[in-house]
Amino acid sequence: MLVVDDDQSVCDTVRMLLEGNGYEVKTCLTAESAVRACKRNAFHIVLLDIKMPHVSGTDLLCQLRQADGNMGVIMMTAYPNVATAAESMRAGGRDYITKPFTEQQLLDAVGRLCGEMGLVYSSEKDLIELVGHRIRDHRQQRRMTLQQLSERAGITASQLSQVELGKSAPSIWTVARVSSALGIRLSKLLEDL
């Protein structure tokens, strides 16, 4: 994880809390150092202050997304309002927490994002749902109906629907057929699981 805040004490506190819960954390005090860090390293999650000197957090978020579009971002602010929350989400932030926050609020936000990104699994059900969501997302990106994908993959629409909803665990053979029908490599579909 990367923590970006111009306040050293915030960086130190967040790093200490996260490292105490098993996360690897790097901190940056400036927008420039954060951009450099993201170009050199892949971070799964970035915790980003909205109010930074010389650049807004949302502008910095856009720069970080250019370096790595796959990172999850949690925006932090001591000045919460609906406009900044909405702007943060439009820029690609996945969550928004208000400073000062408790350790539990921080861990809950990070845990939610880790779960959404498939970085941790609390059960087999979570993994099955994640695979289903990935299949559905790729199908929708290609503007395919459920019926079209089922015909291309050679499986029933009912079976595909159950897989996409995470109600049925697909066999590896089924996932391979679906990925082929989507025109993507199986490894791409299962990347970072």
C-alpha atoms as a PDB file:
ATOM      1  CA  MET A   1       0.000   0.000   0.000  1.00  0.00           C
ATOM      2  CA  LEU A   2       0.969   3.582  -0.566  1.00  0.00           C
ATOM      3  CA  VAL A   3      -0.062   6.361   1.838  1.00  0.00           C
ATOM      4  CA  VAL A   4       0.120   9.888   0.396  1.00  0.00           C
ATOM      5  CA  ASP A   5      -0.359  12.792   2.797  1.00  0.00           C
ATOM      6  CA  ASP A   6       1.595  16.020   3.312  1.00  0.00           C
ATOM      7  CA  ASP A   7       1.350  15.532   7.101  1.00  0.00           C
ATOM      8  CA  GLN A   8       4.181  13.300   8.336  1.00  0.00           C
ATOM      9  CA  SER A   9       2.250  12.354  11.483  1.00  0.00           C
ATOM     10  CA  VAL A  10      -0.694  11.087   9.396  1.00  0.00           C
ATOM     11  CA  CYS A  11       1.681   9.037   7.226  1.00  0.00           C
ATOM     12  CA  ASP A  12       3.413   7.598  10.282  1.00  0.00           C
ATOM     13  CA  THR A  13       0.167   6.769  12.093  1.00  0.00           C
ATOM     14  CA  VAL A  14      -1.495   5.140   9.086  1.00  0.00           C
ATOM     15  CA  ARG A  15       1.680   3.176   8.297  1.00  0.00           C
ATOM     16  CA  MET A  16       1.946   1.967  11.890  1.00  0.00           C
ATOM     17  CA  LEU A  17      -1.713   0.882  12.016  1.00  0.00           C
ATOM     18  CA  LEU A  18      -1.565  -0.926   8.685  1.00  0.00           C
ATOM     19  CA  GLU A  19       1.797  -2.592   9.276  1.00  0.00           C
ATOM     20  CA  GLY A  20       0.504  -3.729  12.668  1.00  0.00           C
ATOM     21  CA  ASN A  21      -2.224  -5.565  10.771  1.00  0.00           C
ATOM     22  CA  GLY A  22       0.082  -7.285   8.290  1.00  0.00           C
ATOM     23  CA  TYR A  23       0.124  -4.845   5.380  1.00  0.00           C
ATOM     24  CA  GLU A  24       3.262  -3.616   3.599  1.00  0.00           C
ATOM     25  CA  VAL A  25       3.212   0.175   3.471  1.00  0.00           C
ATOM     26  CA  LYS A  26       5.226   2.959   1.817  1.00  0.00           C
ATOM     27  CA  THR A  27       4.541   6.627   2.494  1.00  0.00           C
ATOM     28  CA  CYS A  28       4.989   9.786   0.427  1.00  0.00           C
ATOM     29  CA  LEU A  29       4.675  13.400   1.539  1.00  0.00           C
ATOM     30  CA  THR A  30       4.446  15.005  -1.914  1.00  0.00           C
ATOM     31  CA  ALA A  31       2.569  14.475  -5.138  1.00  0.00           C
ATOM     32  CA  GLU A  32       5.832  14.205  -7.067  1.00  0.00           C
ATOM     33  CA  SER A  33       7.218  11.455  -4.850  1.00  0.00           C
ATOM     34  CA  ALA A  34       3.905   9.570  -5.061  1.00  0.00           C
ATOM     35  CA  VAL A  35       3.935   9.645  -8.877  1.00  0.00           C
ATOM     36  CA  ARG A  36       7.566   8.436  -8.905  1.00  0.00           C
ATOM     37  CA  ALA A  37       6.738   5.661  -6.444  1.00  0.00           C
ATOM     38  CA  CYS A  38       3.807   4.468  -8.580  1.00  0.00           C
ATOM     39  CA  LYS A  39       5.961   4.421 -11.701  1.00  0.00           C
ATOM     40  CA  ARG A  40       8.583   2.278  -9.936  1.00  0.00           C
ATOM     41  CA  ASN A  41       6.298  -0.044  -7.934  1.00  0.00           C
ATOM     42  CA  ALA A  42       2.880  -1.593  -8.282  1.00  0.00           C
ATOM     43  CA  PHE A  43       0.643  -0.748  -5.339  1.00  0.00           C
ATOM     44  CA  HIS A  44      -2.631  -2.561  -4.824  1.00  0.00           C
ATOM     45  CA  ILE A  45      -4.086   0.211  -2.684  1.00  0.00           C
ATOM     46  CA  VAL A  46      -3.346   3.914  -2.279  1.00  0.00           C
ATOM     47  CA  LEU A  47      -4.634   6.007   0.618  1.00  0.00           C
ATOM     48  CA  LEU A  48      -4.610   9.568  -0.689  1.00  0.00           C
ATOM     49  CA  ASP A  49      -5.217  12.886   1.059  1.00  0.00           C
ATOM     50  CA  ILE A  50      -7.623  15.121  -0.842  1.00  0.00           C
ATOM     51  CA  LYS A  51      -5.946  18.394   0.182  1.00  0.00           C
ATOM     52  CA  MET A  52      -2.315  18.377  -0.954  1.00  0.00           C
ATOM     53  CA  PRO A  53      -0.035  21.383  -1.503  1.00  0.00           C
ATOM     54  CA  HIS A  54       0.168  22.543  -5.140  1.00  0.00           C
ATOM     55  CA  VAL A  55      -2.236  19.849  -6.396  1.00  0.00           C
ATOM     56  CA  SER A  56      -5.656  18.544  -5.402  1.00  0.00           C
ATOM     57  CA  GLY A  57      -5.921  14.939  -4.338  1.00  0.00           C
ATOM     58  CA  THR A  58      -8.291  14.247  -7.216  1.00  0.00           C
ATOM     59  CA  ASP A  59      -5.812  15.690  -9.735  1.00  0.00           C
ATOM     60  CA  LEU A  60      -3.086  13.572  -8.168  1.00  0.00           C
ATOM     61  CA  LEU A  61      -5.385  10.554  -8.348  1.00  0.00           C
ATOM     62  CA  CYS A  62      -5.661  11.049 -12.119  1.00  0.00           C
ATOM     63  CA  GLN A  63      -1.853  11.182 -12.398  1.00  0.00           C
ATOM     64  CA  LEU A  64      -1.477   8.018 -10.317  1.00  0.00           C
ATOM     65  CA  ARG A  65      -4.074   6.235 -12.439  1.00  0.00           C
ATOM     66  CA  GLN A  66      -1.946   6.983 -15.514  1.00  0.00           C
ATOM     67  CA  ALA A  67       0.944   5.159 -13.841  1.00  0.00           C
ATOM     68  CA  ASP A  68      -1.256   2.218 -12.790  1.00  0.00           C
ATOM     69  CA  GLY A  69      -4.931   2.002 -13.642  1.00  0.00           C
ATOM     70  CA  ASN A  70      -5.519  -1.099 -11.518  1.00  0.00           C
ATOM     71  CA  MET A  71      -4.854   0.320  -8.060  1.00  0.00           C
ATOM     72  CA  GLY A  72      -7.675   0.827  -5.615  1.00  0.00           C
ATOM     73  CA  VAL A  73      -7.792   4.269  -4.027  1.00  0.00           C
ATOM     74  CA  ILE A  74      -9.196   5.388  -0.696  1.00  0.00           C
ATOM     75  CA  MET A  75      -9.461   9.158  -0.390  1.00  0.00           C
ATOM     76  CA  MET A  76      -8.813  10.746   3.029  1.00  0.00           C
ATOM     77  CA  THR A  77      -9.956  14.200   4.101  1.00  0.00           C
ATOM     78  CA  ALA A  78     -10.249  16.393   7.164  1.00  0.00           C
ATOM     79  CA  TYR A  79     -12.712  18.599   5.242  1.00  0.00           C
ATOM     80  CA  PRO A  80     -15.575  16.296   4.234  1.00  0.00           C
ATOM     81  CA  ASN A  81     -18.369  17.461   1.991  1.00  0.00           C
ATOM     82  CA  VAL A  82     -20.597  15.943  -0.650  1.00  0.00           C
ATOM     83  CA  ALA A  83     -18.874  17.756  -3.532  1.00  0.00           C
ATOM     84  CA  THR A  84     -15.385  16.432  -2.727  1.00  0.00           C
ATOM     85  CA  ALA A  85     -16.745  12.944  -2.105  1.00  0.00           C
ATOM     86  CA  ALA A  86     -18.515  12.948  -5.478  1.00  0.00           C
ATOM     87  CA  GLU A  87     -15.479  14.399  -7.257  1.00  0.00           C
ATOM     88  CA  SER A  88     -13.250  11.745  -5.669  1.00  0.00           C
ATOM     89  CA  MET A  89     -15.517   8.923  -6.824  1.00  0.00           C
ATOM     90  CA  ARG A  90     -15.732  10.353 -10.370  1.00  0.00           C
ATOM     91  CA  ALA A  91     -11.925  10.500 -10.487  1.00  0.00           C
ATOM     92  CA  GLY A  92     -11.728   6.807  -9.601  1.00  0.00           C
ATOM     93  CA  GLY A  93     -11.578   6.745  -5.821  1.00  0.00           C
ATOM     94  CA  ARG A  94     -13.195   3.605  -4.433  1.00  0.00           C
ATOM     95  CA  ASP A  95     -13.809   4.807  -0.867  1.00  0.00           C
ATOM     96  CA  TYR A  96     -13.706   8.000   1.176  1.00  0.00           C
ATOM     97  CA  ILE A  97     -12.817   8.319   4.870  1.00  0.00           C
ATOM     98  CA  THR A  98     -12.844  11.358   7.120  1.00  0.00           C
ATOM     99  CA  LYS A  99      -9.881  12.362   9.284  1.00  0.00           C
ATOM    100  CA  PRO A 100      -9.494  11.852  12.105  1.00  0.00           C
ATOM    101  CA  PHE A 101     -10.545   8.229  11.716  1.00  0.00           C
ATOM    102  CA  THR A 102     -10.287   5.356  14.133  1.00  0.00           C
ATOM    103  CA  GLU A 103      -8.115   2.332  13.555  1.00  0.00           C
ATOM    104  CA  GLN A 104     -11.261   0.283  12.974  1.00  0.00           C
ATOM    105  CA  GLN A 105     -12.607   2.741  10.375  1.00  0.00           C
ATOM    106  CA  LEU A 106      -9.293   2.586   8.514  1.00  0.00           C
ATOM    107  CA  LEU A 107      -9.114  -1.209   8.659  1.00  0.00           C
ATOM    108  CA  ASP A 108     -12.755  -1.524   7.584  1.00  0.00           C
ATOM    109  CA  ALA A 109     -12.172   0.712   4.538  1.00  0.00           C
ATOM    110  CA  VAL A 110      -9.009  -1.173   3.572  1.00  0.00           C
ATOM    111  CA  GLY A 111     -10.689  -4.534   4.167  1.00  0.00           C
ATOM    112  CA  ARG A 112     -13.691  -3.616   2.009  1.00  0.00           C
ATOM    113  CA  LEU A 113     -11.441  -2.516  -0.830  1.00  0.00           C
ATOM    114  CA  CYS A 114      -9.232  -5.604  -0.541  1.00  0.00           C
ATOM    115  CA  GLY A 115     -12.360  -7.744  -0.759  1.00  0.00           C
ATOM    116  CA  GLU A 116     -13.709  -5.849  -3.777  1.00  0.00           C
ATOM    117  CA  MET A 117     -10.371  -6.183  -5.546  1.00  0.00           C
ATOM    118  CA  GLY A 118     -10.051  -9.874  -4.750  1.00  0.00           C
ATOM    119  CA  LEU A 119      -6.925  -9.388  -2.678  1.00  0.00           C
ATOM    120  CA  VAL A 120      -8.257 -11.426   0.239  1.00  0.00           C
ATOM    121  CA  TYR A 121     -10.831 -14.127   0.530  1.00  0.00           C
ATOM    122  CA  SER A 122     -12.700 -14.963   3.646  1.00  0.00           C
ATOM    123  CA  SER A 123     -14.367 -17.972   2.055  1.00  0.00           C
ATOM    124  CA  GLU A 124     -14.662 -20.127  -1.035  1.00  0.00           C
ATOM    125  CA  LYS A 125     -17.924 -18.295  -1.713  1.00  0.00           C
ATOM    126  CA  ASP A 126     -16.019 -14.981  -2.029  1.00  0.00           C
ATOM    127  CA  LEU A 127     -13.694 -16.461  -4.643  1.00  0.00           C
ATOM    128  CA  ILE A 128     -16.586 -17.982  -6.616  1.00  0.00           C
ATOM    129  CA  GLU A 129     -18.399 -14.621  -6.584  1.00  0.00           C
ATOM    130  CA  LEU A 130     -15.270 -12.800  -7.722  1.00  0.00           C
ATOM    131  CA  VAL A 131     -14.817 -15.146 -10.704  1.00  0.00           C
ATOM    132  CA  GLY A 132     -18.487 -14.671 -11.601  1.00  0.00           C
ATOM    133  CA  HIS A 133     -18.226 -10.885 -11.384  1.00  0.00           C
ATOM    134  CA  ARG A 134     -15.121 -10.894 -13.580  1.00  0.00           C
ATOM    135  CA  ILE A 135     -16.872 -12.961 -16.239  1.00  0.00           C
ATOM    136  CA  ARG A 136     -19.912 -10.665 -16.162  1.00  0.00           C
ATOM    137  CA  ASP A 137     -17.739  -7.522 -16.325  1.00  0.00           C
ATOM    138  CA  HIS A 138     -15.809  -8.815 -19.355  1.00  0.00           C
ATOM    139  CA  ARG A 139     -19.060  -9.867 -21.047  1.00  0.00           C
ATOM    140  CA  GLN A 140     -20.599  -6.440 -20.482  1.00  0.00           C
ATOM    141  CA  GLN A 141     -17.457  -4.663 -21.687  1.00  0.00           C
ATOM    142  CA  ARG A 142     -17.820  -6.587 -24.937  1.00  0.00           C
ATOM    143  CA  ARG A 143     -21.533  -5.722 -25.083  1.00  0.00           C
ATOM    144  CA  MET A 144     -22.505  -9.374 -25.217  1.00  0.00           C
ATOM    145  CA  THR A 145     -25.748 -10.735 -23.861  1.00  0.00           C
ATOM    146  CA  LEU A 146     -25.785 -13.704 -21.546  1.00  0.00           C
ATOM    147  CA  GLN A 147     -27.322 -15.752 -24.354  1.00  0.00           C
ATOM    148  CA  GLN A 148     -24.616 -14.753 -26.855  1.00  0.00           C
ATOM    149  CA  LEU A 149     -21.817 -15.719 -24.481  1.00  0.00           C
ATOM    150  CA  SER A 150     -23.472 -18.999 -23.535  1.00  0.00           C
ATOM    151  CA  GLU A 151     -23.823 -19.952 -27.211  1.00  0.00           C
ATOM    152  CA  ARG A 152     -20.189 -19.065 -27.959  1.00  0.00           C
ATOM    153  CA  ALA A 153     -18.940 -20.944 -24.890  1.00  0.00           C
ATOM    154  CA  GLY A 154     -21.160 -23.964 -25.473  1.00  0.00           C
ATOM    155  CA  ILE A 155     -22.786 -23.862 -22.032  1.00  0.00           C
ATOM    156  CA  THR A 156     -26.373 -23.136 -21.108  1.00  0.00           C
ATOM    157  CA  ALA A 157     -27.481 -19.592 -20.335  1.00  0.00           C
ATOM    158  CA  SER A 158     -28.826 -20.885 -17.028  1.00  0.00           C
ATOM    159  CA  GLN A 159     -25.434 -22.341 -16.060  1.00  0.00           C
ATOM    160  CA  LEU A 160     -23.629 -19.151 -17.115  1.00  0.00           C
ATOM    161  CA  SER A 161     -26.097 -17.050 -15.128  1.00  0.00           C
ATOM    162  CA  GLN A 162     -25.448 -19.124 -11.997  1.00  0.00           C
ATOM    163  CA  VAL A 163     -21.678 -18.685 -12.489  1.00  0.00           C
ATOM    164  CA  GLU A 164     -21.949 -14.914 -12.988  1.00  0.00           C
ATOM    165  CA  LEU A 165     -24.089 -14.576  -9.869  1.00  0.00           C
ATOM    166  CA  GLY A 166     -21.555 -16.590  -7.858  1.00  0.00           C
ATOM    167  CA  LYS A 167     -24.188 -19.208  -7.057  1.00  0.00           C
ATOM    168  CA  SER A 168     -22.348 -22.048  -8.780  1.00  0.00           C
ATOM    169  CA  ALA A 169     -18.642 -22.871  -8.816  1.00  0.00           C
ATOM    170  CA  PRO A 170     -17.501 -23.250 -12.418  1.00  0.00           C
ATOM    171  CA  SER A 171     -15.097 -25.988 -13.392  1.00  0.00           C
ATOM    172  CA  ILE A 172     -11.770 -24.865 -14.790  1.00  0.00           C
ATOM    173  CA  TRP A 173     -12.929 -26.238 -18.139  1.00  0.00           C
ATOM    174  CA  THR A 174     -16.030 -24.012 -18.026  1.00  0.00           C
ATOM    175  CA  VAL A 175     -13.915 -20.960 -17.166  1.00  0.00           C
ATOM    176  CA  ALA A 176     -11.541 -21.805 -20.034  1.00  0.00           C
ATOM    177  CA  ARG A 177     -14.437 -22.070 -22.494  1.00  0.00           C
ATOM    178  CA  VAL A 178     -15.913 -18.773 -21.290  1.00  0.00           C
ATOM    179  CA  SER A 179     -12.571 -16.961 -21.516  1.00  0.00           C
ATOM    180  CA  SER A 180     -12.084 -18.273 -25.046  1.00  0.00           C
ATOM    181  CA  ALA A 181     -15.602 -17.145 -25.996  1.00  0.00           C
ATOM    182  CA  LEU A 182     -14.801 -13.706 -24.555  1.00  0.00           C
ATOM    183  CA  GLY A 183     -11.620 -13.586 -26.631  1.00  0.00           C
ATOM    184  CA  ILE A 184      -9.308 -13.286 -23.641  1.00  0.00           C
ATOM    185  CA  ARG A 185      -6.666 -15.569 -22.235  1.00  0.00           C
ATOM    186  CA  LEU A 186      -7.660 -17.655 -19.232  1.00  0.00           C
ATOM    187  CA  SER A 187      -4.716 -16.165 -17.320  1.00  0.00           C
ATOM    188  CA  LYS A 188      -6.100 -12.646 -17.951  1.00  0.00           C
ATOM    189  CA  LEU A 189      -9.500 -13.623 -16.580  1.00  0.00           C
ATOM    190  CA  LEU A 190      -7.928 -15.095 -13.447  1.00  0.00           C
ATOM    191  CA  GLU A 191      -5.184 -12.465 -13.099  1.00  0.00           C
ATOM    192  CA  ASP A 192      -4.419 -11.382  -9.518  1.00  0.00           C
ATOM    193  CA  LEU A 193      -6.872 -13.826  -7.972  1.00  0.00           C
END
